[in-house]
Amino acid sequence: MKEIIDSIITFRNSRGWRMTDKPNDLVKSIFIEAAELLENFQWQSQGFDESNVKEEIADILMYTLALANDLNLDVQQIILEKIEKNKKKYPETSKKKV
């Protein structure tokens, strides 16, 4: 994960974007990219462009990882913490044997 985040930050910083990538701008960008991803599924009967879906997911992840980095958040830690919280909120359902 560190290698991916470092690559994102290096790419951004080498283009001088660090000065404009403020948290509020990154959050806006995440929403914009999520809307672009949603467009792929707007009309389900028409299918979707797998290549575009991959690109939009990558954009969302890159902005999100940059935001987490800028806020000094440990991505792995916050995900694991959220999984544990969700386990308590949404316990496993018992599986009935037939």
PDB file of N, CA and C in Angstrom:
ATOM      1  N   MET A   1       0.824  -1.188   0.000  1.00  0.00           N
ATOM      2  CA  MET A   1       0.000   0.000   0.000  1.00  0.00           C
ATOM      3  C   MET A   1       0.870   1.256   0.000  1.00  0.00           C
ATOM      4  N   LYS A   2       1.945   1.243   0.789  1.00  0.00           N
ATOM      5  CA  LYS A   2       2.829   2.407   0.870  1.00  0.00           C
ATOM      6  C   LYS A   2       3.415   2.748  -0.496  1.00  0.00           C
ATOM      7  N   GLU A   3       3.773   1.734  -1.252  1.00  0.00           N
ATOM      8  CA  GLU A   3       4.353   1.961  -2.583  1.00  0.00           C
ATOM      9  C   GLU A   3       3.343   2.654  -3.511  1.00  0.00           C
ATOM     10  N   ILE A   4       2.101   2.241  -3.440  1.00  0.00           N
ATOM     11  CA  ILE A   4       1.056   2.854  -4.269  1.00  0.00           C
ATOM     12  C   ILE A   4       0.840   4.306  -3.856  1.00  0.00           C
ATOM     13  N   ILE A   5       0.715   4.536  -2.547  1.00  0.00           N
ATOM     14  CA  ILE A   5       0.505   5.908  -2.063  1.00  0.00           C
ATOM     15  C   ILE A   5       1.699   6.785  -2.437  1.00  0.00           C
ATOM     16  N   ASP A   6       2.902   6.269  -2.259  1.00  0.00           N
ATOM     17  CA  ASP A   6       4.095   7.038  -2.626  1.00  0.00           C
ATOM     18  C   ASP A   6       4.087   7.384  -4.112  1.00  0.00           C
ATOM     19  N   SER A   7       3.664   6.454  -4.955  1.00  0.00           N
ATOM     20  CA  SER A   7       3.598   6.713  -6.398  1.00  0.00           C
ATOM     21  C   SER A   7       2.587   7.812  -6.712  1.00  0.00           C
ATOM     22  N   ILE A   8       1.445   7.778  -6.053  1.00  0.00           N
ATOM     23  CA  ILE A   8       0.410   8.798  -6.263  1.00  0.00           C
ATOM     24  C   ILE A   8       0.939  10.166  -5.846  1.00  0.00           C
ATOM     25  N   ILE A   9       1.552  10.238  -4.679  1.00  0.00           N
ATOM     26  CA  ILE A   9       2.043  11.514  -4.147  1.00  0.00           C
ATOM     27  C   ILE A   9       3.195  12.040  -5.000  1.00  0.00           C
ATOM     28  N   THR A  10       4.093  11.161  -5.432  1.00  0.00           N
ATOM     29  CA  THR A  10       5.201  11.579  -6.295  1.00  0.00           C
ATOM     30  C   THR A  10       4.672  12.125  -7.608  1.00  0.00           C
ATOM     31  N   PHE A  11       3.719  11.428  -8.210  1.00  0.00           N
ATOM     32  CA  PHE A  11       3.114  11.876  -9.470  1.00  0.00           C
ATOM     33  C   PHE A  11       2.504  13.265  -9.279  1.00  0.00           C
ATOM     34  N   ARG A  12       1.707  13.419  -8.237  1.00  0.00           N
ATOM     35  CA  ARG A  12       1.045  14.697  -7.966  1.00  0.00           C
ATOM     36  C   ARG A  12       2.055  15.812  -7.728  1.00  0.00           C
ATOM     37  N   ASN A  13       3.012  15.560  -6.860  1.00  0.00           N
ATOM     38  CA  ASN A  13       3.960  16.603  -6.491  1.00  0.00           C
ATOM     39  C   ASN A  13       4.873  17.002  -7.640  1.00  0.00           C
ATOM     40  N   SER A  14       5.217  16.049  -8.503  1.00  0.00           N
ATOM     41  CA  SER A  14       6.107  16.361  -9.626  1.00  0.00           C
ATOM     42  C   SER A  14       5.433  17.240 -10.675  1.00  0.00           C
ATOM     43  N   ARG A  15       4.126  17.372 -10.583  1.00  0.00           N
ATOM     44  CA  ARG A  15       3.370  18.227 -11.506  1.00  0.00           C
ATOM     45  C   ARG A  15       2.926  19.534 -10.848  1.00  0.00           C
ATOM     46  N   GLY A  16       3.344  19.744  -9.601  1.00  0.00           N
ATOM     47  CA  GLY A  16       3.012  20.970  -8.900  1.00  0.00           C
ATOM     48  C   GLY A  16       1.579  21.038  -8.415  1.00  0.00           C
ATOM     49  N   TRP A  17       0.925  19.904  -8.300  1.00  0.00           N
ATOM     50  CA  TRP A  17      -0.484  19.881  -7.898  1.00  0.00           C
ATOM     51  C   TRP A  17      -0.682  19.905  -6.387  1.00  0.00           C
ATOM     52  N   ARG A  18       0.381  19.728  -5.620  1.00  0.00           N
ATOM     53  CA  ARG A  18       0.251  19.685  -4.159  1.00  0.00           C
ATOM     54  C   ARG A  18      -0.374  20.977  -3.633  1.00  0.00           C
ATOM     55  N   MET A  19      -0.034  22.084  -4.263  1.00  0.00           N
ATOM     56  CA  MET A  19      -0.539  23.383  -3.812  1.00  0.00           C
ATOM     57  C   MET A  19      -2.053  23.507  -3.997  1.00  0.00           C
ATOM     58  N   THR A  20      -2.606  22.796  -4.951  1.00  0.00           N
ATOM     59  CA  THR A  20      -4.048  22.886  -5.207  1.00  0.00           C
ATOM     60  C   THR A  20      -4.829  21.703  -4.646  1.00  0.00           C
ATOM     61  N   ASP A  21      -4.148  20.646  -4.258  1.00  0.00           N
ATOM     62  CA  ASP A  21      -4.821  19.465  -3.714  1.00  0.00           C
ATOM     63  C   ASP A  21      -5.060  19.630  -2.220  1.00  0.00           C
ATOM     64  N   LYS A  22      -6.030  20.448  -1.879  1.00  0.00           N
ATOM     65  CA  LYS A  22      -6.432  20.643  -0.488  1.00  0.00           C
ATOM     66  C   LYS A  22      -7.523  19.624  -0.178  1.00  0.00           C
ATOM     67  N   PRO A  23      -7.708  19.265   1.106  1.00  0.00           N
ATOM     68  CA  PRO A  23      -8.714  18.244   1.436  1.00  0.00           C
ATOM     69  C   PRO A  23     -10.088  18.503   0.835  1.00  0.00           C
ATOM     70  N   ASN A  24     -10.575  19.743   0.898  1.00  0.00           N
ATOM     71  CA  ASN A  24     -11.911  19.992   0.360  1.00  0.00           C
ATOM     72  C   ASN A  24     -11.956  19.782  -1.152  1.00  0.00           C
ATOM     73  N   ASP A  25     -10.863  20.083  -1.848  1.00  0.00           N
ATOM     74  CA  ASP A  25     -10.816  19.855  -3.290  1.00  0.00           C
ATOM     75  C   ASP A  25     -10.731  18.360  -3.616  1.00  0.00           C
ATOM     76  N   LEU A  26      -9.993  17.621  -2.815  1.00  0.00           N
ATOM     77  CA  LEU A  26      -9.901  16.176  -3.027  1.00  0.00           C
ATOM     78  C   LEU A  26     -11.249  15.501  -2.798  1.00  0.00           C
ATOM     79  N   VAL A  27     -11.968  15.934  -1.772  1.00  0.00           N
ATOM     80  CA  VAL A  27     -13.298  15.359  -1.514  1.00  0.00           C
ATOM     81  C   VAL A  27     -14.238  15.661  -2.676  1.00  0.00           C
ATOM     82  N   LYS A  28     -14.207  16.877  -3.175  1.00  0.00           N
ATOM     83  CA  LYS A  28     -15.026  17.224  -4.341  1.00  0.00           C
ATOM     84  C   LYS A  28     -14.663  16.347  -5.532  1.00  0.00           C
ATOM     85  N   SER A  29     -13.380  16.130  -5.730  1.00  0.00           N
ATOM     86  CA  SER A  29     -12.929  15.302  -6.854  1.00  0.00           C
ATOM     87  C   SER A  29     -13.390  13.858  -6.709  1.00  0.00           C
ATOM     88  N   ILE A  30     -13.398  13.350  -5.475  1.00  0.00           N
ATOM     89  CA  ILE A  30     -13.890  11.981  -5.235  1.00  0.00           C
ATOM     90  C   ILE A  30     -15.350  11.886  -5.653  1.00  0.00           C
ATOM     91  N   PHE A  31     -16.142  12.868  -5.286  1.00  0.00           N
ATOM     92  CA  PHE A  31     -17.563  12.859  -5.653  1.00  0.00           C
ATOM     93  C   PHE A  31     -17.754  12.972  -7.163  1.00  0.00           C
ATOM     94  N   ILE A  32     -16.972  13.807  -7.810  1.00  0.00           N
ATOM     95  CA  ILE A  32     -17.073  13.961  -9.268  1.00  0.00           C
ATOM     96  C   ILE A  32     -16.736  12.646  -9.959  1.00  0.00           C
ATOM     97  N   GLU A  33     -15.659  11.999  -9.523  1.00  0.00           N
ATOM     98  CA  GLU A  33     -15.261  10.727 -10.130  1.00  0.00           C
ATOM     99  C   GLU A  33     -16.285   9.632  -9.830  1.00  0.00           C
ATOM    100  N   ALA A  34     -16.878   9.666  -8.629  1.00  0.00           N
ATOM    101  CA  ALA A  34     -17.914   8.683  -8.294  1.00  0.00           C
ATOM    102  C   ALA A  34     -19.127   8.864  -9.195  1.00  0.00           C
ATOM    103  N   ALA A  35     -19.468  10.108  -9.506  1.00  0.00           N
ATOM    104  CA  ALA A  35     -20.585  10.366 -10.427  1.00  0.00           C
ATOM    105  C   ALA A  35     -20.255   9.843 -11.821  1.00  0.00           C
ATOM    106  N   GLU A  36     -19.002  10.002 -12.238  1.00  0.00           N
ATOM    107  CA  GLU A  36     -18.598   9.476 -13.541  1.00  0.00           C
ATOM    108  C   GLU A  36     -18.667   7.949 -13.556  1.00  0.00           C
ATOM    109  N   LEU A  37     -18.325   7.320 -12.434  1.00  0.00           N
ATOM    110  CA  LEU A  37     -18.461   5.867 -12.323  1.00  0.00           C
ATOM    111  C   LEU A  37     -19.933   5.472 -12.406  1.00  0.00           C
ATOM    112  N   LEU A  38     -20.776   6.203 -11.723  1.00  0.00           N
ATOM    113  CA  LEU A  38     -22.208   5.924 -11.713  1.00  0.00           C
ATOM    114  C   LEU A  38     -22.805   5.978 -13.110  1.00  0.00           C
ATOM    115  N   GLU A  39     -22.311   6.884 -13.935  1.00  0.00           N
ATOM    116  CA  GLU A  39     -22.832   6.993 -15.303  1.00  0.00           C
ATOM    117  C   GLU A  39     -22.726   5.669 -16.055  1.00  0.00           C
ATOM    118  N   ASN A  40     -21.729   4.863 -15.725  1.00  0.00           N
ATOM    119  CA  ASN A  40     -21.560   3.567 -16.382  1.00  0.00           C
ATOM    120  C   ASN A  40     -22.692   2.601 -16.067  1.00  0.00           C
ATOM    121  N   PHE A  41     -23.398   2.840 -14.970  1.00  0.00           N
ATOM    122  CA  PHE A  41     -24.444   1.927 -14.532  1.00  0.00           C
ATOM    123  C   PHE A  41     -25.823   2.586 -14.531  1.00  0.00           C
ATOM    124  N   GLN A  42     -25.893   3.781 -15.087  1.00  0.00           N
ATOM    125  CA  GLN A  42     -27.151   4.516 -15.083  1.00  0.00           C
ATOM    126  C   GLN A  42     -28.252   3.757 -15.807  1.00  0.00           C
ATOM    127  N   TRP A  43     -27.933   3.190 -16.918  1.00  0.00           N
ATOM    128  CA  TRP A  43     -28.914   2.439 -17.706  1.00  0.00           C
ATOM    129  C   TRP A  43     -28.421   1.007 -17.804  1.00  0.00           C
ATOM    130  N   GLN A  44     -28.719   0.214 -16.782  1.00  0.00           N
ATOM    131  CA  GLN A  44     -28.215  -1.155 -16.676  1.00  0.00           C
ATOM    132  C   GLN A  44     -28.434  -2.006 -17.920  1.00  0.00           C
ATOM    133  N   SER A  45     -29.559  -1.809 -18.592  1.00  0.00           N
ATOM    134  CA  SER A  45     -29.849  -2.664 -19.745  1.00  0.00           C
ATOM    135  C   SER A  45     -28.861  -2.425 -20.883  1.00  0.00           C
ATOM    136  N   GLN A  46     -28.149  -1.312 -20.833  1.00  0.00           N
ATOM    137  CA  GLN A  46     -27.193  -1.007 -21.895  1.00  0.00           C
ATOM    138  C   GLN A  46     -25.793  -1.542 -21.591  1.00  0.00           C
ATOM    139  N   GLY A  47     -25.592  -2.153 -20.445  1.00  0.00           N
ATOM    140  CA  GLY A  47     -24.274  -2.644 -20.085  1.00  0.00           C
ATOM    141  C   GLY A  47     -23.371  -1.506 -19.666  1.00  0.00           C
ATOM    142  N   PHE A  48     -22.079  -1.781 -19.583  1.00  0.00           N
ATOM    143  CA  PHE A  48     -21.137  -0.734 -19.188  1.00  0.00           C
ATOM    144  C   PHE A  48     -19.788  -0.963 -19.852  1.00  0.00           C
ATOM    145  N   ASP A  49     -19.010   0.094 -19.872  1.00  0.00           N
ATOM    146  CA  ASP A  49     -17.682   0.078 -20.475  1.00  0.00           C
ATOM    147  C   ASP A  49     -16.675  -0.319 -19.394  1.00  0.00           C
ATOM    148  N   GLU A  50     -16.218  -1.555 -19.414  1.00  0.00           N
ATOM    149  CA  GLU A  50     -15.322  -2.060 -18.374  1.00  0.00           C
ATOM    150  C   GLU A  50     -14.049  -1.230 -18.256  1.00  0.00           C
ATOM    151  N   SER A  51     -13.514  -0.802 -19.368  1.00  0.00           N
ATOM    152  CA  SER A  51     -12.301   0.009 -19.353  1.00  0.00           C
ATOM    153  C   SER A  51     -12.533   1.322 -18.613  1.00  0.00           C
ATOM    154  N   ASN A  52     -13.668   1.957 -18.878  1.00  0.00           N
ATOM    155  CA  ASN A  52     -13.985   3.215 -18.205  1.00  0.00           C
ATOM    156  C   ASN A  52     -14.249   2.998 -16.725  1.00  0.00           C
ATOM    157  N   VAL A  53     -14.912   1.910 -16.377  1.00  0.00           N
ATOM    158  CA  VAL A  53     -15.177   1.592 -14.972  1.00  0.00           C
ATOM    159  C   VAL A  53     -13.849   1.467 -14.221  1.00  0.00           C
ATOM    160  N   LYS A  54     -12.898   0.769 -14.798  1.00  0.00           N
ATOM    161  CA  LYS A  54     -11.577   0.624 -14.173  1.00  0.00           C
ATOM    162  C   LYS A  54     -10.917   1.976 -13.953  1.00  0.00           C
ATOM    163  N   GLU A  55     -10.985   2.833 -14.960  1.00  0.00           N
ATOM    164  CA  GLU A  55     -10.365   4.155 -14.858  1.00  0.00           C
ATOM    165  C   GLU A  55     -11.026   4.999 -13.777  1.00  0.00           C
ATOM    166  N   GLU A  56     -12.350   4.964 -13.709  1.00  0.00           N
ATOM    167  CA  GLU A  56     -13.060   5.766 -12.703  1.00  0.00           C
ATOM    168  C   GLU A  56     -12.784   5.247 -11.297  1.00  0.00           C
ATOM    169  N   ILE A  57     -12.742   3.932 -11.123  1.00  0.00           N
ATOM    170  CA  ILE A  57     -12.403   3.366  -9.813  1.00  0.00           C
ATOM    171  C   ILE A  57     -10.985   3.781  -9.428  1.00  0.00           C
ATOM    172  N   ALA A  58     -10.065   3.727 -10.366  1.00  0.00           N
ATOM    173  CA  ALA A  58      -8.689   4.148 -10.095  1.00  0.00           C
ATOM    174  C   ALA A  58      -8.642   5.616  -9.681  1.00  0.00           C
ATOM    175  N   ASP A  59      -9.387   6.477 -10.383  1.00  0.00           N
ATOM    176  CA  ASP A  59      -9.425   7.897 -10.022  1.00  0.00           C
ATOM    177  C   ASP A  59      -9.929   8.088  -8.594  1.00  0.00           C
ATOM    178  N   ILE A  60     -11.018   7.394  -8.251  1.00  0.00           N
ATOM    179  CA  ILE A  60     -11.592   7.505  -6.907  1.00  0.00           C
ATOM    180  C   ILE A  60     -10.572   7.058  -5.859  1.00  0.00           C
ATOM    181  N   LEU A  61      -9.937   5.925  -6.117  1.00  0.00           N
ATOM    182  CA  LEU A  61      -8.956   5.410  -5.159  1.00  0.00           C
ATOM    183  C   LEU A  61      -7.756   6.338  -5.032  1.00  0.00           C
ATOM    184  N   MET A  62      -7.276   6.874  -6.145  1.00  0.00           N
ATOM    185  CA  MET A  62      -6.117   7.766  -6.079  1.00  0.00           C
ATOM    186  C   MET A  62      -6.419   9.032  -5.288  1.00  0.00           C
ATOM    187  N   TYR A  63      -7.581   9.652  -5.545  1.00  0.00           N
ATOM    188  CA  TYR A  63      -7.947  10.838  -4.776  1.00  0.00           C
ATOM    189  C   TYR A  63      -8.127  10.497  -3.298  1.00  0.00           C
ATOM    190  N   THR A  64      -8.744   9.361  -3.018  1.00  0.00           N
ATOM    191  CA  THR A  64      -8.996   8.955  -1.636  1.00  0.00           C
ATOM    192  C   THR A  64      -7.688   8.666  -0.905  1.00  0.00           C
ATOM    193  N   LEU A  65      -6.771   7.970  -1.557  1.00  0.00           N
ATOM    194  CA  LEU A  65      -5.486   7.675  -0.929  1.00  0.00           C
ATOM    195  C   LEU A  65      -4.654   8.940  -0.733  1.00  0.00           C
ATOM    196  N   ALA A  66      -4.733   9.870  -1.672  1.00  0.00           N
ATOM    197  CA  ALA A  66      -4.032  11.152  -1.513  1.00  0.00           C
ATOM    198  C   ALA A  66      -4.612  11.911  -0.319  1.00  0.00           C
ATOM    199  N   LEU A  67      -5.931  11.915  -0.191  1.00  0.00           N
ATOM    200  CA  LEU A  67      -6.586  12.580   0.932  1.00  0.00           C
ATOM    201  C   LEU A  67      -6.154  11.958   2.255  1.00  0.00           C
ATOM    202  N   ALA A  68      -6.195  10.645   2.330  1.00  0.00           N
ATOM    203  CA  ALA A  68      -5.786   9.952   3.558  1.00  0.00           C
ATOM    204  C   ALA A  68      -4.335  10.287   3.894  1.00  0.00           C
ATOM    205  N   ASN A  69      -3.484  10.301   2.895  1.00  0.00           N
ATOM    206  CA  ASN A  69      -2.078  10.640   3.104  1.00  0.00           C
ATOM    207  C   ASN A  69      -1.939  12.064   3.644  1.00  0.00           C
ATOM    208  N   ASP A  70      -2.639  13.002   3.023  1.00  0.00           N
ATOM    209  CA  ASP A  70      -2.548  14.403   3.433  1.00  0.00           C
ATOM    210  C   ASP A  70      -3.084  14.634   4.843  1.00  0.00           C
ATOM    211  N   LEU A  71      -4.021  13.786   5.278  1.00  0.00           N
ATOM    212  CA  LEU A  71      -4.584  13.891   6.624  1.00  0.00           C
ATOM    213  C   LEU A  71      -3.827  13.025   7.631  1.00  0.00           C
ATOM    214  N   ASN A  72      -2.710  12.427   7.165  1.00  0.00           N
ATOM    215  CA  ASN A  72      -1.867  11.562   8.011  1.00  0.00           C
ATOM    216  C   ASN A  72      -2.650  10.384   8.596  1.00  0.00           C
ATOM    217  N   LEU A  73      -3.493   9.783   7.770  1.00  0.00           N
ATOM    218  CA  LEU A  73      -4.262   8.617   8.189  1.00  0.00           C
ATOM    219  C   LEU A  73      -3.615   7.353   7.642  1.00  0.00           C
ATOM    220  N   ASP A  74      -3.589   6.328   8.458  1.00  0.00           N
ATOM    221  CA  ASP A  74      -3.076   5.024   8.051  1.00  0.00           C
ATOM    222  C   ASP A  74      -4.231   4.263   7.408  1.00  0.00           C
ATOM    223  N   VAL A  75      -4.188   4.124   6.089  1.00  0.00           N
ATOM    224  CA  VAL A  75      -5.293   3.522   5.335  1.00  0.00           C
ATOM    225  C   VAL A  75      -5.611   2.117   5.834  1.00  0.00           C
ATOM    226  N   GLN A  76      -4.600   1.303   5.994  1.00  0.00           N
ATOM    227  CA  GLN A  76      -4.835  -0.067   6.448  1.00  0.00           C
ATOM    228  C   GLN A  76      -5.494  -0.066   7.825  1.00  0.00           C
ATOM    229  N   GLN A  77      -5.025   0.763   8.721  1.00  0.00           N
ATOM    230  CA  GLN A  77      -5.582   0.826  10.075  1.00  0.00           C
ATOM    231  C   GLN A  77      -7.038   1.272  10.065  1.00  0.00           C
ATOM    232  N   ILE A  78      -7.353   2.325   9.313  1.00  0.00           N
ATOM    233  CA  ILE A  78      -8.732   2.821   9.354  1.00  0.00           C
ATOM    234  C   ILE A  78      -9.699   1.841   8.691  1.00  0.00           C
ATOM    235  N   ILE A  79      -9.228   1.110   7.690  1.00  0.00           N
ATOM    236  CA  ILE A  79     -10.091   0.102   7.062  1.00  0.00           C
ATOM    237  C   ILE A  79     -10.345  -1.051   8.028  1.00  0.00           C
ATOM    238  N   LEU A  80      -9.295  -1.531   8.679  1.00  0.00           N
ATOM    239  CA  LEU A  80      -9.468  -2.633   9.632  1.00  0.00           C
ATOM    240  C   LEU A  80     -10.365  -2.215  10.794  1.00  0.00           C
ATOM    241  N   GLU A  81     -10.204  -0.970  11.271  1.00  0.00           N
ATOM    242  CA  GLU A  81     -11.070  -0.471  12.343  1.00  0.00           C
ATOM    243  C   GLU A  81     -12.528  -0.430  11.895  1.00  0.00           C
ATOM    244  N   LYS A  82     -12.758  -0.013  10.664  1.00  0.00           N
ATOM    245  CA  LYS A  82     -14.128   0.072  10.146  1.00  0.00           C
ATOM    246  C   LYS A  82     -14.730  -1.324   9.976  1.00  0.00           C
ATOM    247  N   ILE A  83     -13.931  -2.277   9.532  1.00  0.00           N
ATOM    248  CA  ILE A  83     -14.418  -3.657   9.409  1.00  0.00           C
ATOM    249  C   ILE A  83     -14.850  -4.179  10.776  1.00  0.00           C
ATOM    250  N   GLU A  84     -14.049  -3.916  11.807  1.00  0.00           N
ATOM    251  CA  GLU A  84     -14.403  -4.371  13.160  1.00  0.00           C
ATOM    252  C   GLU A  84     -15.691  -3.697  13.637  1.00  0.00           C
ATOM    253  N   LYS A  85     -15.835  -2.411  13.373  1.00  0.00           N
ATOM    254  CA  LYS A  85     -17.052  -1.698  13.752  1.00  0.00           C
ATOM    255  C   LYS A  85     -18.258  -2.283  13.021  1.00  0.00           C
ATOM    256  N   ASN A  86     -18.082  -2.587  11.725  1.00  0.00           N
ATOM    257  CA  ASN A  86     -19.177  -3.163  10.940  1.00  0.00           C
ATOM    258  C   ASN A  86     -19.543  -4.563  11.417  1.00  0.00           C
ATOM    259  N   LYS A  87     -18.561  -5.315  11.898  1.00  0.00           N
ATOM    260  CA  LYS A  87     -18.847  -6.660  12.421  1.00  0.00           C
ATOM    261  C   LYS A  87     -19.808  -6.577  13.603  1.00  0.00           C
ATOM    262  N   LYS A  88     -19.629  -5.555  14.434  1.00  0.00           N
ATOM    263  CA  LYS A  88     -20.512  -5.378  15.590  1.00  0.00           C
ATOM    264  C   LYS A  88     -21.876  -4.863  15.153  1.00  0.00           C
ATOM    265  N   LYS A  89     -21.877  -3.959  14.206  1.00  0.00           N
ATOM    266  CA  LYS A  89     -23.126  -3.361  13.732  1.00  0.00           C
ATOM    267  C   LYS A  89     -23.947  -4.342  12.908  1.00  0.00           C
ATOM    268  N   TYR A  90     -23.259  -5.165  12.129  1.00  0.00           N
ATOM    269  CA  TYR A  90     -23.925  -6.129  11.242  1.00  0.00           C
ATOM    270  C   TYR A  90     -23.392  -7.527  11.529  1.00  0.00           C
ATOM    271  N   PRO A  91     -23.882  -8.178  12.582  1.00  0.00           N
ATOM    272  CA  PRO A  91     -23.367  -9.508  12.923  1.00  0.00           C
ATOM    273  C   PRO A  91     -23.695 -10.521  11.829  1.00  0.00           C
ATOM    274  N   GLU A  92     -22.890 -11.555  11.817  1.00  0.00           N
ATOM    275  CA  GLU A  92     -23.113 -12.628  10.843  1.00  0.00           C
ATOM    276  C   GLU A  92     -24.488 -13.238  11.062  1.00  0.00           C
ATOM    277  N   THR A  93     -25.093 -13.623   9.961  1.00  0.00           N
ATOM    278  CA  THR A  93     -26.370 -14.314  10.080  1.00  0.00           C
ATOM    279  C   THR A  93     -26.093 -15.797  10.255  1.00  0.00           C
ATOM    280  N   SER A  94     -26.921 -16.430  11.027  1.00  0.00           N
ATOM    281  CA  SER A  94     -26.721 -17.864  11.208  1.00  0.00           C
ATOM    282  C   SER A  94     -27.191 -18.564   9.930  1.00  0.00           C
ATOM    283  N   LYS A  95     -26.440 -19.554   9.558  1.00  0.00           N
ATOM    284  CA  LYS A  95     -26.777 -20.301   8.346  1.00  0.00           C
ATOM    285  C   LYS A  95     -27.482 -21.577   8.738  1.00  0.00           C
ATOM    286  N   LYS A  96     -28.673 -21.697   8.269  1.00  0.00           N
ATOM    287  CA  LYS A  96     -29.459 -22.889   8.575  1.00  0.00           C
ATOM    288  C   LYS A  96     -29.087 -24.005   7.626  1.00  0.00           C
ATOM    289  N   LYS A  97     -28.890 -25.180   8.192  1.00  0.00           N
ATOM    290  CA  LYS A  97     -28.633 -26.343   7.369  1.00  0.00           C
ATOM    291  C   LYS A  97     -29.962 -26.991   7.037  1.00  0.00           C
ATOM    292  N   VAL A  98     -30.101 -27.362   5.775  1.00  0.00           N
ATOM    293  CA  VAL A  98     -31.359 -27.966   5.345  1.00  0.00           C
ATOM    294  C   VAL A  98     -31.219 -29.436   5.258  1.00  0.00           C
TER     295      VAL A  98
END
